Amino acid sequence: MAKTDEQLCIYLEGVVQGVGMRYYVRDLANKMGLQGYVQNTSNGRVKCVVRGEKSRLELFVGSLKAAPRGRVDCVEVENCTDTEEFTHFNIRF
């Protein structure tokens, strides 16, 4: 992780499973040069662990709030201290 990079855990709530949300998130993150992963959770949310420059992360979060798939009712953002190294952004099943 570069010294200027930050890492966030983002949880999406609403109609976010079964609508292609993980694929939208993956494609968006890859276009923005971010690293990490996205996955469905057992409680119906979508979880993203994402790392990158602060300005890109802010744009990423804003784009998630206006996702064209499903319906995002809530975006919860937390600082994340996961020490896993990422080389790209992918979907976890």
PDB file of N, CA and C in Angstrom:
ATOM      1  N   MET A   1       0.854  -1.173   0.000  1.00  0.00           N
ATOM      2  CA  MET A   1       0.000   0.000   0.000  1.00  0.00           C
ATOM      3  C   MET A   1       0.900   1.236   0.000  1.00  0.00           C
ATOM      4  N   ALA A   2       0.644   2.131  -0.928  1.00  0.00           N
ATOM      5  CA  ALA A   2       1.411   3.371  -0.986  1.00  0.00           C
ATOM      6  C   ALA A   2       1.073   4.236   0.220  1.00  0.00           C
ATOM      7  N   LYS A   3       2.023   5.051   0.630  1.00  0.00           N
ATOM      8  CA  LYS A   3       1.813   5.881   1.822  1.00  0.00           C
ATOM      9  C   LYS A   3       0.633   6.829   1.682  1.00  0.00           C
ATOM     10  N   THR A   4       0.320   7.247   0.464  1.00  0.00           N
ATOM     11  CA  THR A   4      -0.790   8.175   0.266  1.00  0.00           C
ATOM     12  C   THR A   4      -2.127   7.462   0.114  1.00  0.00           C
ATOM     13  N   ASP A   5      -2.119   6.144   0.036  1.00  0.00           N
ATOM     14  CA  ASP A   5      -3.354   5.391  -0.124  1.00  0.00           C
ATOM     15  C   ASP A   5      -4.093   5.244   1.195  1.00  0.00           C
ATOM     16  N   GLU A   6      -5.407   5.164   1.084  1.00  0.00           N
ATOM     17  CA  GLU A   6      -6.270   4.894   2.223  1.00  0.00           C
ATOM     18  C   GLU A   6      -7.055   3.637   1.906  1.00  0.00           C
ATOM     19  N   GLN A   7      -7.628   3.049   2.929  1.00  0.00           N
ATOM     20  CA  GLN A   7      -8.443   1.856   2.737  1.00  0.00           C
ATOM     21  C   GLN A   7      -9.761   2.024   3.472  1.00  0.00           C
ATOM     22  N   LEU A   8     -10.846   1.673   2.797  1.00  0.00           N
ATOM     23  CA  LEU A   8     -12.179   1.791   3.369  1.00  0.00           C
ATOM     24  C   LEU A   8     -12.923   0.467   3.298  1.00  0.00           C
ATOM     25  N   CYS A   9     -13.803   0.247   4.261  1.00  0.00           N
ATOM     26  CA  CYS A   9     -14.802  -0.807   4.204  1.00  0.00           C
ATOM     27  C   CYS A   9     -16.123  -0.096   3.947  1.00  0.00           C
ATOM     28  N   ILE A  10     -16.801  -0.494   2.900  1.00  0.00           N
ATOM     29  CA  ILE A  10     -18.039   0.149   2.498  1.00  0.00           C
ATOM     30  C   ILE A  10     -19.139  -0.909   2.465  1.00  0.00           C
ATOM     31  N   TYR A  11     -20.260  -0.581   3.073  1.00  0.00           N
ATOM     32  CA  TYR A  11     -21.408  -1.488   3.077  1.00  0.00           C
ATOM     33  C   TYR A  11     -22.574  -0.813   2.372  1.00  0.00           C
ATOM     34  N   LEU A  12     -23.140  -1.508   1.393  1.00  0.00           N
ATOM     35  CA  LEU A  12     -24.288  -1.006   0.654  1.00  0.00           C
ATOM     36  C   LEU A  12     -25.536  -1.734   1.128  1.00  0.00           C
ATOM     37  N   GLU A  13     -26.587  -0.972   1.406  1.00  0.00           N
ATOM     38  CA  GLU A  13     -27.862  -1.550   1.832  1.00  0.00           C
ATOM     39  C   GLU A  13     -28.956  -1.101   0.882  1.00  0.00           C
ATOM     40  N   GLY A  14     -29.979  -1.922   0.762  1.00  0.00           N
ATOM     41  CA  GLY A  14     -31.106  -1.640  -0.118  1.00  0.00           C
ATOM     42  C   GLY A  14     -31.351  -2.858  -0.982  1.00  0.00           C
ATOM     43  N   VAL A  15     -31.742  -2.629  -2.219  1.00  0.00           N
ATOM     44  CA  VAL A  15     -31.889  -3.715  -3.184  1.00  0.00           C
ATOM     45  C   VAL A  15     -30.544  -3.821  -3.892  1.00  0.00           C
ATOM     46  N   VAL A  16     -29.623  -4.583  -3.276  1.00  0.00           N
ATOM     47  CA  VAL A  16     -28.244  -4.614  -3.767  1.00  0.00           C
ATOM     48  C   VAL A  16     -27.744  -6.021  -4.112  1.00  0.00           C
ATOM     49  N   GLN A  17     -28.526  -7.038  -3.831  1.00  0.00           N
ATOM     50  CA  GLN A  17     -28.142  -8.399  -4.199  1.00  0.00           C
ATOM     51  C   GLN A  17     -29.087  -8.909  -5.287  1.00  0.00           C
ATOM     52  N   GLY A  18     -28.507  -9.665  -6.229  1.00  0.00           N
ATOM     53  CA  GLY A  18     -29.301 -10.225  -7.318  1.00  0.00           C
ATOM     54  C   GLY A  18     -29.596  -9.241  -8.434  1.00  0.00           C
ATOM     55  N   VAL A  19     -28.890  -8.110  -8.442  1.00  0.00           N
ATOM     56  CA  VAL A  19     -29.132  -7.077  -9.457  1.00  0.00           C
ATOM     57  C   VAL A  19     -27.860  -6.694 -10.223  1.00  0.00           C
ATOM     58  N   GLY A  20     -26.775  -7.438 -10.026  1.00  0.00           N
ATOM     59  CA  GLY A  20     -25.516  -7.135 -10.712  1.00  0.00           C
ATOM     60  C   GLY A  20     -24.681  -6.065 -10.033  1.00  0.00           C
ATOM     61  N   MET A  21     -24.974  -5.778  -8.774  1.00  0.00           N
ATOM     62  CA  MET A  21     -24.249  -4.722  -8.063  1.00  0.00           C
ATOM     63  C   MET A  21     -22.759  -5.019  -7.944  1.00  0.00           C
ATOM     64  N   ARG A  22     -22.410  -6.267  -7.614  1.00  0.00           N
ATOM     65  CA  ARG A  22     -20.988  -6.597  -7.457  1.00  0.00           C
ATOM     66  C   ARG A  22     -20.225  -6.371  -8.754  1.00  0.00           C
ATOM     67  N   TYR A  23     -20.842  -6.659  -9.886  1.00  0.00           N
ATOM     68  CA  TYR A  23     -20.171  -6.472 -11.185  1.00  0.00           C
ATOM     69  C   TYR A  23     -20.008  -4.982 -11.491  1.00  0.00           C
ATOM     70  N   TYR A  24     -21.027  -4.187 -11.157  1.00  0.00           N
ATOM     71  CA  TYR A  24     -20.920  -2.737 -11.328  1.00  0.00           C
ATOM     72  C   TYR A  24     -19.789  -2.179 -10.469  1.00  0.00           C
ATOM     73  N   VAL A  25     -19.743  -2.609  -9.198  1.00  0.00           N
ATOM     74  CA  VAL A  25     -18.710  -2.127  -8.272  1.00  0.00           C
ATOM     75  C   VAL A  25     -17.320  -2.514  -8.776  1.00  0.00           C
ATOM     76  N   ARG A  26     -17.164  -3.771  -9.202  1.00  0.00           N
ATOM     77  CA  ARG A  26     -15.862  -4.223  -9.710  1.00  0.00           C
ATOM     78  C   ARG A  26     -15.429  -3.405 -10.915  1.00  0.00           C
ATOM     79  N   ASP A  27     -16.329  -3.221 -11.875  1.00  0.00           N
ATOM     80  CA  ASP A  27     -15.976  -2.481 -13.085  1.00  0.00           C
ATOM     81  C   ASP A  27     -15.624  -1.025 -12.758  1.00  0.00           C
ATOM     82  N   LEU A  28     -16.391  -0.410 -11.865  1.00  0.00           N
ATOM     83  CA  LEU A  28     -16.124   0.969 -11.456  1.00  0.00           C
ATOM     84  C   LEU A  28     -14.759   1.087 -10.782  1.00  0.00           C
ATOM     85  N   ALA A  29     -14.477   0.184  -9.850  1.00  0.00           N
ATOM     86  CA  ALA A  29     -13.197   0.220  -9.135  1.00  0.00           C
ATOM     87  C   ALA A  29     -12.023   0.033 -10.089  1.00  0.00           C
ATOM     88  N   ASN A  30     -12.162  -0.893 -11.026  1.00  0.00           N
ATOM     89  CA  ASN A  30     -11.075  -1.127 -11.982  1.00  0.00           C
ATOM     90  C   ASN A  30     -10.859   0.082 -12.886  1.00  0.00           C
ATOM     91  N   LYS A  31     -11.935   0.737 -13.310  1.00  0.00           N
ATOM     92  CA  LYS A  31     -11.804   1.942 -14.136  1.00  0.00           C
ATOM     93  C   LYS A  31     -11.110   3.065 -13.372  1.00  0.00           C
ATOM     94  N   MET A  32     -11.300   3.088 -12.039  1.00  0.00           N
ATOM     95  CA  MET A  32     -10.726   4.146 -11.214  1.00  0.00           C
ATOM     96  C   MET A  32      -9.348   3.782 -10.662  1.00  0.00           C
ATOM     97  N   GLY A  33      -8.843   2.599 -11.005  1.00  0.00           N
ATOM     98  CA  GLY A  33      -7.515   2.193 -10.550  1.00  0.00           C
ATOM     99  C   GLY A  33      -7.440   1.848  -9.074  1.00  0.00           C
ATOM    100  N   LEU A  34      -8.535   1.343  -8.506  1.00  0.00           N
ATOM    101  CA  LEU A  34      -8.569   0.977  -7.089  1.00  0.00           C
ATOM    102  C   LEU A  34      -8.316  -0.518  -6.915  1.00  0.00           C
ATOM    103  N   GLN A  35      -7.913  -0.906  -5.718  1.00  0.00           N
ATOM    104  CA  GLN A  35      -7.668  -2.309  -5.410  1.00  0.00           C
ATOM    105  C   GLN A  35      -8.604  -2.746  -4.292  1.00  0.00           C
ATOM    106  N   GLY A  36      -8.855  -4.062  -4.225  1.00  0.00           N
ATOM    107  CA  GLY A  36      -9.670  -4.610  -3.149  1.00  0.00           C
ATOM    108  C   GLY A  36     -10.621  -5.661  -3.648  1.00  0.00           C
ATOM    109  N   TYR A  37     -11.792  -5.732  -3.007  1.00  0.00           N
ATOM    110  CA  TYR A  37     -12.787  -6.727  -3.409  1.00  0.00           C
ATOM    111  C   TYR A  37     -14.189  -6.275  -3.020  1.00  0.00           C
ATOM    112  N   VAL A  38     -15.166  -6.956  -3.606  1.00  0.00           N
ATOM    113  CA  VAL A  38     -16.580  -6.755  -3.285  1.00  0.00           C
ATOM    114  C   VAL A  38     -17.205  -8.130  -3.106  1.00  0.00           C
ATOM    115  N   GLN A  39     -18.150  -8.234  -2.159  1.00  0.00           N
ATOM    116  CA  GLN A  39     -18.825  -9.507  -1.942  1.00  0.00           C
ATOM    117  C   GLN A  39     -20.196  -9.275  -1.313  1.00  0.00           C
ATOM    118  N   ASN A  40     -21.098 -10.231  -1.538  1.00  0.00           N
ATOM    119  CA  ASN A  40     -22.387 -10.220  -0.851  1.00  0.00           C
ATOM    120  C   ASN A  40     -22.170 -10.678   0.575  1.00  0.00           C
ATOM    121  N   THR A  41     -23.008 -10.199   1.488  1.00  0.00           N
ATOM    122  CA  THR A  41     -22.960 -10.656   2.870  1.00  0.00           C
ATOM    123  C   THR A  41     -24.224 -11.468   3.153  1.00  0.00           C
ATOM    124  N   SER A  42     -24.192 -12.237   4.221  1.00  0.00           N
ATOM    125  CA  SER A  42     -25.321 -13.096   4.556  1.00  0.00           C
ATOM    126  C   SER A  42     -26.546 -12.310   5.028  1.00  0.00           C
ATOM    127  N   ASN A  43     -26.355 -11.042   5.380  1.00  0.00           N
ATOM    128  CA  ASN A  43     -27.487 -10.243   5.859  1.00  0.00           C
ATOM    129  C   ASN A  43     -28.088  -9.342   4.769  1.00  0.00           C
ATOM    130  N   GLY A  44     -27.757  -9.615   3.501  1.00  0.00           N
ATOM    131  CA  GLY A  44     -28.375  -8.902   2.386  1.00  0.00           C
ATOM    132  C   GLY A  44     -27.663  -7.648   1.927  1.00  0.00           C
ATOM    133  N   ARG A  45     -26.534  -7.336   2.538  1.00  0.00           N
ATOM    134  CA  ARG A  45     -25.770  -6.157   2.121  1.00  0.00           C
ATOM    135  C   ARG A  45     -24.675  -6.570   1.136  1.00  0.00           C
ATOM    136  N   VAL A  46     -24.029  -5.578   0.569  1.00  0.00           N
ATOM    137  CA  VAL A  46     -22.836  -5.787  -0.251  1.00  0.00           C
ATOM    138  C   VAL A  46     -21.693  -5.082   0.459  1.00  0.00           C
ATOM    139  N   LYS A  47     -20.583  -5.798   0.637  1.00  0.00           N
ATOM    140  CA  LYS A  47     -19.403  -5.259   1.315  1.00  0.00           C
ATOM    141  C   LYS A  47     -18.296  -5.022   0.296  1.00  0.00           C
ATOM    142  N   CYS A  48     -17.664  -3.841   0.390  1.00  0.00           N
ATOM    143  CA  CYS A  48     -16.505  -3.515  -0.446  1.00  0.00           C
ATOM    144  C   CYS A  48     -15.340  -3.180   0.476  1.00  0.00           C
ATOM    145  N   VAL A  49     -14.212  -3.768   0.215  1.00  0.00           N
ATOM    146  CA  VAL A  49     -12.960  -3.338   0.837  1.00  0.00           C
ATOM    147  C   VAL A  49     -12.155  -2.743  -0.304  1.00  0.00           C
ATOM    148  N   VAL A  50     -11.858  -1.462  -0.205  1.00  0.00           N
ATOM    149  CA  VAL A  50     -11.256  -0.760  -1.329  1.00  0.00           C
ATOM    150  C   VAL A  50     -10.099   0.112  -0.856  1.00  0.00           C
ATOM    151  N   ARG A  51      -9.041   0.115  -1.654  1.00  0.00           N
ATOM    152  CA  ARG A  51      -7.828   0.869  -1.331  1.00  0.00           C
ATOM    153  C   ARG A  51      -7.434   1.726  -2.527  1.00  0.00           C
ATOM    154  N   GLY A  52      -7.015   2.966  -2.223  1.00  0.00           N
ATOM    155  CA  GLY A  52      -6.557   3.858  -3.277  1.00  0.00           C
ATOM    156  C   GLY A  52      -6.369   5.264  -2.742  1.00  0.00           C
ATOM    157  N   GLU A  53      -6.129   6.194  -3.655  1.00  0.00           N
ATOM    158  CA  GLU A  53      -5.947   7.594  -3.281  1.00  0.00           C
ATOM    159  C   GLU A  53      -7.260   8.158  -2.748  1.00  0.00           C
ATOM    160  N   LYS A  54      -7.157   9.037  -1.767  1.00  0.00           N
ATOM    161  CA  LYS A  54      -8.336   9.593  -1.103  1.00  0.00           C
ATOM    162  C   LYS A  54      -9.321  10.208  -2.089  1.00  0.00           C
ATOM    163  N   SER A  55      -8.827  10.976  -3.038  1.00  0.00           N
ATOM    164  CA  SER A  55      -9.719  11.645  -3.992  1.00  0.00           C
ATOM    165  C   SER A  55     -10.481  10.631  -4.847  1.00  0.00           C
ATOM    166  N   ARG A  56      -9.825   9.556  -5.228  1.00  0.00           N
ATOM    167  CA  ARG A  56     -10.494   8.509  -6.012  1.00  0.00           C
ATOM    168  C   ARG A  56     -11.522   7.774  -5.160  1.00  0.00           C
ATOM    169  N   LEU A  57     -11.186   7.536  -3.899  1.00  0.00           N
ATOM    170  CA  LEU A  57     -12.132   6.868  -3.002  1.00  0.00           C
ATOM    171  C   LEU A  57     -13.386   7.717  -2.807  1.00  0.00           C
ATOM    172  N   GLU A  58     -13.228   9.020  -2.701  1.00  0.00           N
ATOM    173  CA  GLU A  58     -14.386   9.908  -2.543  1.00  0.00           C
ATOM    174  C   GLU A  58     -15.289   9.838  -3.771  1.00  0.00           C
ATOM    175  N   LEU A  59     -14.697   9.838  -4.956  1.00  0.00           N
ATOM    176  CA  LEU A  59     -15.476   9.714  -6.189  1.00  0.00           C
ATOM    177  C   LEU A  59     -16.164   8.351  -6.258  1.00  0.00           C
ATOM    178  N   PHE A  60     -15.456   7.317  -5.837  1.00  0.00           N
ATOM    179  CA  PHE A  60     -15.978   5.957  -5.840  1.00  0.00           C
ATOM    180  C   PHE A  60     -17.226   5.868  -4.955  1.00  0.00           C
ATOM    181  N   VAL A  61     -17.136   6.385  -3.737  1.00  0.00           N
ATOM    182  CA  VAL A  61     -18.267   6.348  -2.805  1.00  0.00           C
ATOM    183  C   VAL A  61     -19.457   7.114  -3.388  1.00  0.00           C
ATOM    184  N   GLY A  62     -19.190   8.269  -3.973  1.00  0.00           N
ATOM    185  CA  GLY A  62     -20.265   9.045  -4.592  1.00  0.00           C
ATOM    186  C   GLY A  62     -20.943   8.294  -5.717  1.00  0.00           C
ATOM    187  N   SER A  63     -20.159   7.570  -6.503  1.00  0.00           N
ATOM    188  CA  SER A  63     -20.716   6.784  -7.607  1.00  0.00           C
ATOM    189  C   SER A  63     -21.543   5.613  -7.090  1.00  0.00           C
ATOM    190  N   LEU A  64     -21.161   5.048  -5.957  1.00  0.00           N
ATOM    191  CA  LEU A  64     -21.928   3.940  -5.384  1.00  0.00           C
ATOM    192  C   LEU A  64     -23.308   4.418  -4.941  1.00  0.00           C
ATOM    193  N   LYS A  65     -23.371   5.634  -4.412  1.00  0.00           N
ATOM    194  CA  LYS A  65     -24.654   6.174  -3.943  1.00  0.00           C
ATOM    195  C   LYS A  65     -25.639   6.337  -5.099  1.00  0.00           C
ATOM    196  N   ALA A  66     -25.116   6.525  -6.302  1.00  0.00           N
ATOM    197  CA  ALA A  66     -25.959   6.729  -7.480  1.00  0.00           C
ATOM    198  C   ALA A  66     -25.877   5.539  -8.440  1.00  0.00           C
ATOM    199  N   ALA A  67     -25.623   4.350  -7.917  1.00  0.00           N
ATOM    200  CA  ALA A  67     -25.459   3.153  -8.750  1.00  0.00           C
ATOM    201  C   ALA A  67     -26.685   2.935  -9.636  1.00  0.00           C
ATOM    202  N   PRO A  68     -26.460   2.606 -10.919  1.00  0.00           N
ATOM    203  CA  PRO A  68     -27.575   2.413 -11.845  1.00  0.00           C
ATOM    204  C   PRO A  68     -28.241   1.044 -11.716  1.00  0.00           C
ATOM    205  N   ARG A  69     -27.787   0.223 -10.812  1.00  0.00           N
ATOM    206  CA  ARG A  69     -28.370  -1.113 -10.637  1.00  0.00           C
ATOM    207  C   ARG A  69     -28.986  -1.226  -9.257  1.00  0.00           C
ATOM    208  N   GLY A  70     -30.122  -1.862  -9.171  1.00  0.00           N
ATOM    209  CA  GLY A  70     -30.766  -2.039  -7.882  1.00  0.00           C
ATOM    210  C   GLY A  70     -31.180  -0.701  -7.295  1.00  0.00           C
ATOM    211  N   ARG A  71     -31.141  -0.638  -5.974  1.00  0.00           N
ATOM    212  CA  ARG A  71     -31.457   0.606  -5.277  1.00  0.00           C
ATOM    213  C   ARG A  71     -30.602   0.663  -4.012  1.00  0.00           C
ATOM    214  N   VAL A  72     -29.740   1.650  -3.938  1.00  0.00           N
ATOM    215  CA  VAL A  72     -28.880   1.817  -2.771  1.00  0.00           C
ATOM    216  C   VAL A  72     -29.564   2.791  -1.822  1.00  0.00           C
ATOM    217  N   ASP A  73     -30.011   2.277  -0.670  1.00  0.00           N
ATOM    218  CA  ASP A  73     -30.680   3.104   0.325  1.00  0.00           C
ATOM    219  C   ASP A  73     -29.702   3.710   1.323  1.00  0.00           C
ATOM    220  N   CYS A  74     -28.599   3.013   1.559  1.00  0.00           N
ATOM    221  CA  CYS A  74     -27.640   3.460   2.565  1.00  0.00           C
ATOM    222  C   CYS A  74     -26.240   3.014   2.171  1.00  0.00           C
ATOM    223  N   VAL A  75     -25.277   3.914   2.331  1.00  0.00           N
ATOM    224  CA  VAL A  75     -23.862   3.595   2.126  1.00  0.00           C
ATOM    225  C   VAL A  75     -23.155   3.890   3.436  1.00  0.00           C
ATOM    226  N   GLU A  76     -22.657   2.843   4.070  1.00  0.00           N
ATOM    227  CA  GLU A  76     -21.934   2.979   5.338  1.00  0.00           C
ATOM    228  C   GLU A  76     -20.436   2.860   5.038  1.00  0.00           C
ATOM    229  N   VAL A  77     -19.668   3.863   5.441  1.00  0.00           N
ATOM    230  CA  VAL A  77     -18.233   3.900   5.148  1.00  0.00           C
ATOM    231  C   VAL A  77     -17.462   3.892   6.459  1.00  0.00           C
ATOM    232  N   GLU A  78     -16.482   2.988   6.556  1.00  0.00           N
ATOM    233  CA  GLU A  78     -15.630   2.888   7.744  1.00  0.00           C
ATOM    234  C   GLU A  78     -14.178   2.820   7.307  1.00  0.00           C
ATOM    235  N   ASN A  79     -13.280   3.312   8.161  1.00  0.00           N
ATOM    236  CA  ASN A  79     -11.864   3.073   7.918  1.00  0.00           C
ATOM    237  C   ASN A  79     -11.618   1.597   8.152  1.00  0.00           C
ATOM    238  N   CYS A  80     -10.749   1.021   7.363  1.00  0.00           N
ATOM    239  CA  CYS A  80     -10.511  -0.413   7.407  1.00  0.00           C
ATOM    240  C   CYS A  80      -9.026  -0.660   7.665  1.00  0.00           C
ATOM    241  N   THR A  81      -8.733  -1.551   8.570  1.00  0.00           N
ATOM    242  CA  THR A  81      -7.335  -1.825   8.911  1.00  0.00           C
ATOM    243  C   THR A  81      -6.878  -3.192   8.424  1.00  0.00           C
ATOM    244  N   ASP A  82      -7.594  -3.765   7.478  1.00  0.00           N
ATOM    245  CA  ASP A  82      -7.212  -5.053   6.896  1.00  0.00           C
ATOM    246  C   ASP A  82      -5.798  -4.945   6.331  1.00  0.00           C
ATOM    247  N   THR A  83      -4.948  -5.890   6.629  1.00  0.00           N
ATOM    248  CA  THR A  83      -3.555  -5.827   6.173  1.00  0.00           C
ATOM    249  C   THR A  83      -3.317  -6.637   4.905  1.00  0.00           C
ATOM    250  N   GLU A  84      -4.372  -7.190   4.341  1.00  0.00           N
ATOM    251  CA  GLU A  84      -4.241  -7.977   3.113  1.00  0.00           C
ATOM    252  C   GLU A  84      -3.721  -7.091   1.979  1.00  0.00           C
ATOM    253  N   GLU A  85      -2.839  -7.644   1.164  1.00  0.00           N
ATOM    254  CA  GLU A  85      -2.314  -6.913   0.012  1.00  0.00           C
ATOM    255  C   GLU A  85      -3.170  -7.216  -1.210  1.00  0.00           C
ATOM    256  N   PHE A  86      -3.511  -6.185  -1.961  1.00  0.00           N
ATOM    257  CA  PHE A  86      -4.307  -6.338  -3.170  1.00  0.00           C
ATOM    258  C   PHE A  86      -3.509  -5.853  -4.369  1.00  0.00           C
ATOM    259  N   THR A  87      -3.665  -6.521  -5.493  1.00  0.00           N
ATOM    260  CA  THR A  87      -3.024  -6.074  -6.728  1.00  0.00           C
ATOM    261  C   THR A  87      -4.056  -5.571  -7.731  1.00  0.00           C
ATOM    262  N   HIS A  88      -5.326  -5.902  -7.499  1.00  0.00           N
ATOM    263  CA  HIS A  88      -6.402  -5.463  -8.376  1.00  0.00           C
ATOM    264  C   HIS A  88      -7.706  -5.513  -7.574  1.00  0.00           C
ATOM    265  N   PHE A  89      -8.822  -5.323  -8.246  1.00  0.00           N
ATOM    266  CA  PHE A  89     -10.124  -5.358  -7.573  1.00  0.00           C
ATOM    267  C   PHE A  89     -10.923  -6.522  -8.167  1.00  0.00           C
ATOM    268  N   ASN A  90     -11.464  -7.366  -7.300  1.00  0.00           N
ATOM    269  CA  ASN A  90     -12.210  -8.510  -7.812  1.00  0.00           C
ATOM    270  C   ASN A  90     -13.470  -8.783  -6.991  1.00  0.00           C
ATOM    271  N   ILE A  91     -14.237  -9.739  -7.474  1.00  0.00           N
ATOM    272  CA  ILE A  91     -15.450 -10.179  -6.787  1.00  0.00           C
ATOM    273  C   ILE A  91     -15.106 -11.428  -6.001  1.00  0.00           C
ATOM    274  N   ARG A  92     -15.535 -11.453  -4.748  1.00  0.00           N
ATOM    275  CA  ARG A  92     -15.392 -12.657  -3.931  1.00  0.00           C
ATOM    276  C   ARG A  92     -16.759 -13.297  -3.794  1.00  0.00           C
ATOM    277  N   PHE A  93     -16.765 -14.604  -3.902  1.00  0.00           N
ATOM    278  CA  PHE A  93     -18.021 -15.360  -3.808  1.00  0.00           C
ATOM    279  C   PHE A  93     -18.078 -16.145  -2.513  1.00  0.00           C
TER     280      PHE A  93
END
